[in-house]
Amino acid sequence: MHRNTKSNPCDRTLHPNESLVADAGFDEIELACLDISRLYFSTFAEPGGQSWMRAIDRAEYVFDHQSGASIASLVLKVIQAIRRSRRSSFQFSNPDCAGCARILTEHERRLIVAISAMRRGRAERAQVELMMLCEGNDTQAVMMWLTELKLALPKVGRRAMVM
């Protein structure tokens, strides 16, 4: 993770396999899942910052007070299953730096594309993304939690995936 504070100018540039969040074609639900994920990743990187509380607040703001905490919990379950499967670090952008937050890492993209694919009934596409994200390791638990997350998220119609 690239660390920066809001008050310092950000000099981060795109690295290979990264893109701009604005160019990814994600809808507002998927962008919220990205935000929530990044806040959890920030908590893992800096536990004292307790960003996990902001993740729940963000989910309640986007999804409402009844389902927000459940959705935040399911996003965390997906992330934890990925963390158990992966062997290397998950690369994410700092949600507290406007310059960094505009950049989508390859790992973030694969996670959100998997969520998007599941929401649109394309489990096979989600599985391919997870296989890459989990470095060829077992993705059964990730798929289970991704299915639960799909059921909790607002429904969408099918559309062509741009990613």
Protein backbone atom coordinates (compact mmCIF):
# COMPACT_ATOMS: atom_id res chain seq x y z
CA MET A 1 0.00 0.00 0.00
CA HIS A 2 1.22 3.47 -0.83
CA ARG A 3 0.87 5.69 2.27
CA ASN A 4 0.04 9.35 2.00
CA THR A 5 -1.96 11.87 3.97
CA LYS A 6 -4.64 14.15 2.65
CA SER A 7 -2.53 17.25 3.33
CA ASN A 8 0.48 16.13 1.28
CA PRO A 9 0.38 16.24 -2.51
CA CYS A 10 0.23 12.74 -3.96
CA ASP A 11 2.78 11.82 -6.60
CA ARG A 12 1.51 8.32 -7.23
CA THR A 13 1.31 7.27 -10.86
CA LEU A 14 -0.20 4.24 -12.50
CA HIS A 15 1.90 1.11 -12.37
CA PRO A 16 1.59 -1.79 -14.82
CA ASN A 17 -1.71 -3.66 -14.37
CA GLU A 18 -3.32 -0.66 -12.65
CA SER A 19 -6.04 1.59 -14.02
CA LEU A 20 -8.18 4.48 -12.93
CA VAL A 21 -11.26 3.64 -10.88
CA ALA A 22 -13.25 6.02 -13.08
CA ASP A 23 -12.42 3.92 -16.16
CA ALA A 24 -13.41 0.55 -14.64
CA GLY A 25 -17.13 0.73 -15.40
CA PHE A 26 -18.24 -0.24 -11.89
CA ASP A 27 -21.68 0.79 -10.67
CA GLU A 28 -22.34 2.55 -7.36
CA ILE A 29 -22.78 -0.74 -5.48
CA GLU A 30 -19.46 -2.09 -6.75
CA LEU A 31 -17.72 1.20 -5.95
CA ALA A 32 -19.13 1.01 -2.42
CA CYS A 33 -17.75 -2.55 -2.11
CA LEU A 34 -14.37 -1.21 -3.26
CA ASP A 35 -14.49 1.55 -0.63
CA ILE A 36 -15.49 -0.89 2.11
CA SER A 37 -12.75 -3.33 1.06
CA ARG A 38 -10.09 -0.63 1.09
CA LEU A 39 -11.07 0.42 4.59
CA TYR A 40 -10.73 -3.17 5.79
CA PHE A 41 -7.34 -3.48 4.07
CA SER A 42 -6.29 -0.26 5.80
CA THR A 43 -7.20 -1.83 9.12
CA PHE A 44 -5.00 -4.84 8.37
CA ALA A 45 -2.11 -2.55 7.38
CA GLU A 46 -2.56 -0.20 10.35
CA PRO A 47 -4.71 -1.84 13.04
CA GLY A 48 -4.52 1.19 15.32
CA GLY A 49 -6.34 3.28 12.72
CA GLN A 50 -9.47 1.14 13.16
CA SER A 51 -10.69 1.84 9.62
CA TRP A 52 -13.04 -1.12 9.96
CA MET A 53 -15.48 1.19 11.78
CA ARG A 54 -15.53 3.49 8.76
CA ALA A 55 -16.18 0.45 6.54
CA ILE A 56 -19.36 -0.30 8.48
CA ASP A 57 -20.39 3.37 8.44
CA ARG A 58 -19.86 3.49 4.66
CA ALA A 59 -21.96 0.36 4.17
CA GLU A 60 -24.77 1.74 6.34
CA TYR A 61 -24.70 5.02 4.42
CA VAL A 62 -24.90 3.31 1.02
CA PHE A 63 -27.14 0.35 1.80
CA ASP A 64 -29.15 1.59 4.83
CA HIS A 65 -28.94 0.87 8.54
CA GLN A 66 -30.77 -2.46 8.30
CA SER A 67 -28.59 -4.18 5.72
CA GLY A 68 -25.39 -2.10 5.78
CA ALA A 69 -23.67 -3.85 8.67
CA SER A 70 -24.55 -7.27 7.22
CA ILE A 71 -23.13 -6.32 3.84
CA ALA A 72 -19.97 -4.92 5.46
CA SER A 73 -19.60 -8.19 7.36
CA LEU A 74 -20.00 -10.24 4.19
CA VAL A 75 -17.42 -8.13 2.34
CA LEU A 76 -15.07 -8.88 5.22
CA LYS A 77 -15.86 -12.61 4.99
CA VAL A 78 -14.96 -12.54 1.27
CA ILE A 79 -11.73 -10.68 2.02
CA GLN A 80 -10.78 -13.03 4.85
CA ALA A 81 -11.34 -16.07 2.62
CA ILE A 82 -9.10 -14.47 -0.03
CA ARG A 83 -6.44 -13.70 2.58
CA ARG A 84 -6.47 -17.34 3.71
CA SER A 85 -6.08 -18.57 0.14
CA ARG A 86 -3.44 -16.10 -1.15
CA ARG A 87 0.22 -16.50 -0.29
CA SER A 88 1.37 -12.97 -1.11
CA SER A 89 0.22 -9.52 0.01
CA PHE A 90 -2.93 -7.97 -1.39
CA GLN A 91 -2.07 -4.67 -3.09
CA PHE A 92 -4.60 -1.91 -2.46
CA SER A 93 -4.81 1.84 -2.79
CA ASN A 94 -4.95 4.11 0.23
CA PRO A 95 -8.58 5.22 0.72
CA ASP A 96 -7.42 8.28 2.69
CA CYS A 97 -5.41 9.80 -0.15
CA ALA A 98 -7.43 11.26 -3.02
CA GLY A 99 -4.58 10.70 -5.48
CA CYS A 100 -4.07 7.08 -4.47
CA ALA A 101 -7.79 6.29 -4.15
CA ARG A 102 -8.37 7.14 -7.81
CA ILE A 103 -6.08 4.24 -8.77
CA LEU A 104 -7.39 0.69 -9.01
CA THR A 105 -4.80 -2.00 -8.33
CA GLU A 106 -4.91 -5.29 -10.19
CA HIS A 107 -5.94 -7.10 -7.01
CA GLU A 108 -8.74 -4.65 -6.28
CA ARG A 109 -9.94 -4.91 -9.88
CA ARG A 110 -10.08 -8.70 -9.74
CA LEU A 111 -12.01 -8.59 -6.45
CA ILE A 112 -14.60 -6.10 -7.68
CA VAL A 113 -14.94 -7.78 -11.08
CA ALA A 114 -15.65 -11.04 -9.21
CA ILE A 115 -18.34 -9.28 -7.14
CA SER A 116 -19.77 -7.69 -10.28
CA ALA A 117 -19.80 -11.00 -12.15
CA MET A 118 -21.59 -12.77 -9.31
CA ARG A 119 -24.21 -10.01 -9.11
CA ARG A 120 -24.89 -10.52 -12.81
CA GLY A 121 -25.16 -14.30 -12.68
CA ARG A 122 -21.72 -14.94 -14.18
CA ALA A 123 -20.23 -17.25 -11.56
CA GLU A 124 -17.77 -18.70 -14.09
CA ARG A 125 -16.28 -15.24 -14.68
CA ALA A 126 -16.08 -14.66 -10.92
CA GLN A 127 -14.30 -17.99 -10.52
CA VAL A 128 -11.68 -17.08 -13.14
CA GLU A 129 -10.97 -13.76 -11.40
CA LEU A 130 -10.71 -15.49 -8.04
CA MET A 131 -8.35 -18.14 -9.38
CA MET A 132 -6.03 -15.36 -10.54
CA LEU A 133 -6.51 -13.35 -7.33
CA CYS A 134 -5.89 -16.38 -5.11
CA GLU A 135 -2.82 -17.39 -7.11
CA GLY A 136 -4.28 -20.73 -8.20
CA ASN A 137 -5.12 -21.77 -4.64
CA ASP A 138 -8.47 -23.03 -3.38
CA THR A 139 -11.31 -20.55 -3.92
CA GLN A 140 -14.22 -22.62 -2.58
CA ALA A 141 -14.63 -20.56 0.61
CA VAL A 142 -14.31 -17.31 -1.33
CA MET A 143 -17.04 -18.42 -3.75
CA MET A 144 -19.29 -19.41 -0.84
CA TRP A 145 -18.98 -15.98 0.79
CA LEU A 146 -19.24 -14.24 -2.57
CA THR A 147 -22.54 -16.04 -3.13
CA GLU A 148 -23.78 -14.86 0.27
CA LEU A 149 -22.70 -11.31 -0.55
CA LYS A 150 -24.53 -11.48 -3.88
CA LEU A 151 -27.73 -12.42 -2.07
CA ALA A 152 -27.39 -9.47 0.31
CA LEU A 153 -26.54 -6.83 -2.30
CA PRO A 154 -29.21 -4.98 -4.29
CA LYS A 155 -30.21 -6.83 -7.45
CA VAL A 156 -29.10 -5.73 -10.90
CA GLY A 157 -30.05 -6.66 -14.41
CA ARG A 158 -27.62 -8.33 -16.74
CA ARG A 159 -25.35 -6.05 -18.72
CA ALA A 160 -22.21 -6.45 -20.72
CA MET A 161 -19.20 -6.32 -18.45
CA VAL A 162 -16.71 -3.70 -19.53
CA MET A 163 -13.82 -4.84 -17.35
